[in-house]
């Protein structure tokens, strides 16, 4: 793991790494194929990510043309959740997951 310069999101000024916020190298894979449409991030060094933690990948968006898979090296900032954030995320995670589901029982026939 290499030391990288962090930038405060509000001002853009560099900030020092802390135990809760640090930069790490990562590999980003974005697929835009018929068989698979996905984006995956693998952090260097097998860093565990826990409920409530945030990972921000730096750089321009990756938009591969249809039928291709793009793998790039990037830098990511990991922000660790505090104890209350972690507890809240565990308690509400199942409820928020249900918001992703959408069901429709309408018929498509016309009279």
Protein backbone atom coordinates (compact mmCIF):
# COMPACT_ATOMS: atom_id res chain seq x y z
CA UNK A 1 0.00 0.00 0.00
CA UNK A 2 1.39 3.38 -0.94
CA UNK A 3 0.70 6.69 0.74
CA UNK A 4 -1.40 8.91 -1.48
CA UNK A 5 -2.48 12.52 -1.04
CA UNK A 6 -6.09 12.85 0.07
CA UNK A 7 -8.25 15.81 -0.89
CA UNK A 8 -11.04 17.24 1.22
CA UNK A 9 -14.26 16.87 -0.82
CA UNK A 10 -15.52 20.35 0.07
CA UNK A 11 -12.40 22.43 -0.57
CA UNK A 12 -10.13 20.22 -2.66
CA UNK A 13 -7.33 20.91 -0.16
CA UNK A 14 -5.07 17.97 0.70
CA UNK A 15 -5.85 16.19 3.96
CA UNK A 16 -3.71 13.73 5.89
CA UNK A 17 -4.60 10.01 6.01
CA UNK A 18 -6.29 8.95 9.24
CA UNK A 19 -7.35 5.64 10.75
CA UNK A 20 -10.87 6.27 9.41
CA UNK A 21 -9.90 7.61 5.95
CA UNK A 22 -7.10 6.35 3.70
CA UNK A 23 -6.21 5.80 0.04
CA UNK A 24 -5.46 2.42 -1.49
CA UNK A 25 -4.76 1.14 -5.01
CA UNK A 26 -7.48 -0.86 -6.74
CA UNK A 27 -8.43 -2.60 -9.96
CA UNK A 28 -11.72 -1.63 -11.61
CA UNK A 29 -13.39 -3.94 -14.12
CA UNK A 30 -16.37 -2.71 -16.15
CA UNK A 31 -18.16 -5.09 -18.53
CA UNK A 32 -20.65 -4.04 -21.21
CA UNK A 33 -21.41 -7.35 -22.88
CA UNK A 34 -24.61 -9.25 -23.64
CA UNK A 35 -23.57 -11.96 -21.17
CA UNK A 36 -22.67 -9.58 -18.35
CA UNK A 37 -23.23 -5.92 -17.46
CA UNK A 38 -21.23 -5.22 -14.30
CA UNK A 39 -18.66 -3.09 -12.52
CA UNK A 40 -16.35 -4.59 -9.87
CA UNK A 41 -13.68 -3.02 -7.66
CA UNK A 42 -10.91 -5.08 -6.06
CA UNK A 43 -8.91 -3.26 -3.38
CA UNK A 44 -5.19 -4.04 -3.08
CA UNK A 45 -4.13 -5.90 0.05
CA UNK A 46 -7.40 -7.71 0.86
CA UNK A 47 -8.74 -4.78 2.90
CA UNK A 48 -12.01 -5.79 4.58
CA UNK A 49 -15.04 -3.58 3.95
CA UNK A 50 -17.63 -3.59 6.74
CA UNK A 51 -21.26 -2.40 6.84
CA UNK A 52 -21.39 1.39 6.63
CA UNK A 53 -17.89 1.81 5.16
CA UNK A 54 -17.59 3.90 2.00
CA UNK A 55 -15.30 3.34 -1.00
CA UNK A 56 -14.80 6.20 -3.49
CA UNK A 57 -12.93 5.30 -6.70
CA UNK A 58 -11.12 8.31 -8.20
CA UNK A 59 -10.89 9.15 -11.90
CA UNK A 60 -13.13 9.61 -14.90
CA UNK A 61 -16.10 7.28 -15.45
CA UNK A 62 -15.29 4.12 -17.41
CA UNK A 63 -17.67 3.54 -20.34
CA UNK A 64 -16.59 0.59 -22.48
CA UNK A 65 -18.21 0.17 -25.90
CA UNK A 66 -20.78 -2.62 -26.25
CA UNK A 67 -19.18 -6.05 -26.29
CA UNK A 68 -16.05 -5.07 -24.37
CA UNK A 69 -14.61 -5.40 -20.86
CA UNK A 70 -12.24 -2.72 -19.51
CA UNK A 71 -9.85 -3.23 -16.55
CA UNK A 72 -8.04 -0.19 -15.13
CA UNK A 73 -5.82 0.58 -12.16
CA UNK A 74 -7.16 3.38 -9.97
CA UNK A 75 -6.85 4.89 -6.50
CA UNK A 76 -9.77 4.53 -4.06
CA UNK A 77 -10.44 6.32 -0.79
CA UNK A 78 -11.83 4.11 1.98
CA UNK A 79 -13.78 5.84 4.76
CA UNK A 80 -14.48 3.64 7.78
CA UNK A 81 -17.89 3.89 9.46
CA UNK A 82 -18.00 4.75 13.14
CA UNK A 83 -19.65 2.41 15.65
CA UNK A 84 -23.07 4.11 15.43
CA UNK A 85 -23.01 4.23 11.62
CA UNK A 86 -22.09 0.53 11.51
CA UNK A 87 -24.91 -0.41 13.90
CA UNK A 88 -27.45 1.72 11.99
CA UNK A 89 -26.42 0.16 8.68
CA UNK A 90 -26.82 -3.36 10.07
CA UNK A 91 -30.25 -2.51 11.50
CA UNK A 92 -31.66 -0.81 8.39
CA UNK A 93 -29.86 -2.69 5.62
CA UNK A 94 -32.63 -5.24 5.02
CA UNK A 95 -35.28 -2.53 4.79
CA UNK A 96 -33.30 -0.52 2.25
CA UNK A 97 -32.70 -3.65 0.17
CA UNK A 98 -36.46 -4.05 -0.23
CA UNK A 99 -36.61 -0.60 -1.84
CA UNK A 100 -34.57 -1.97 -4.75
CA UNK A 101 -37.27 -4.49 -5.61
CA UNK A 102 -40.10 -3.47 -7.86
CA UNK A 103 -43.11 -5.64 -8.57
CA UNK A 104 -45.77 -5.08 -11.18
CA UNK A 105 -48.95 -7.12 -11.56
CA UNK A 106 -50.60 -5.19 -14.38
CA UNK A 107 -51.92 -7.03 -17.41
CA UNK A 108 -50.75 -5.93 -20.84
CA UNK A 109 -53.98 -6.78 -22.69
CA UNK A 110 -56.22 -4.14 -24.16
CA UNK A 111 -60.02 -4.31 -24.22
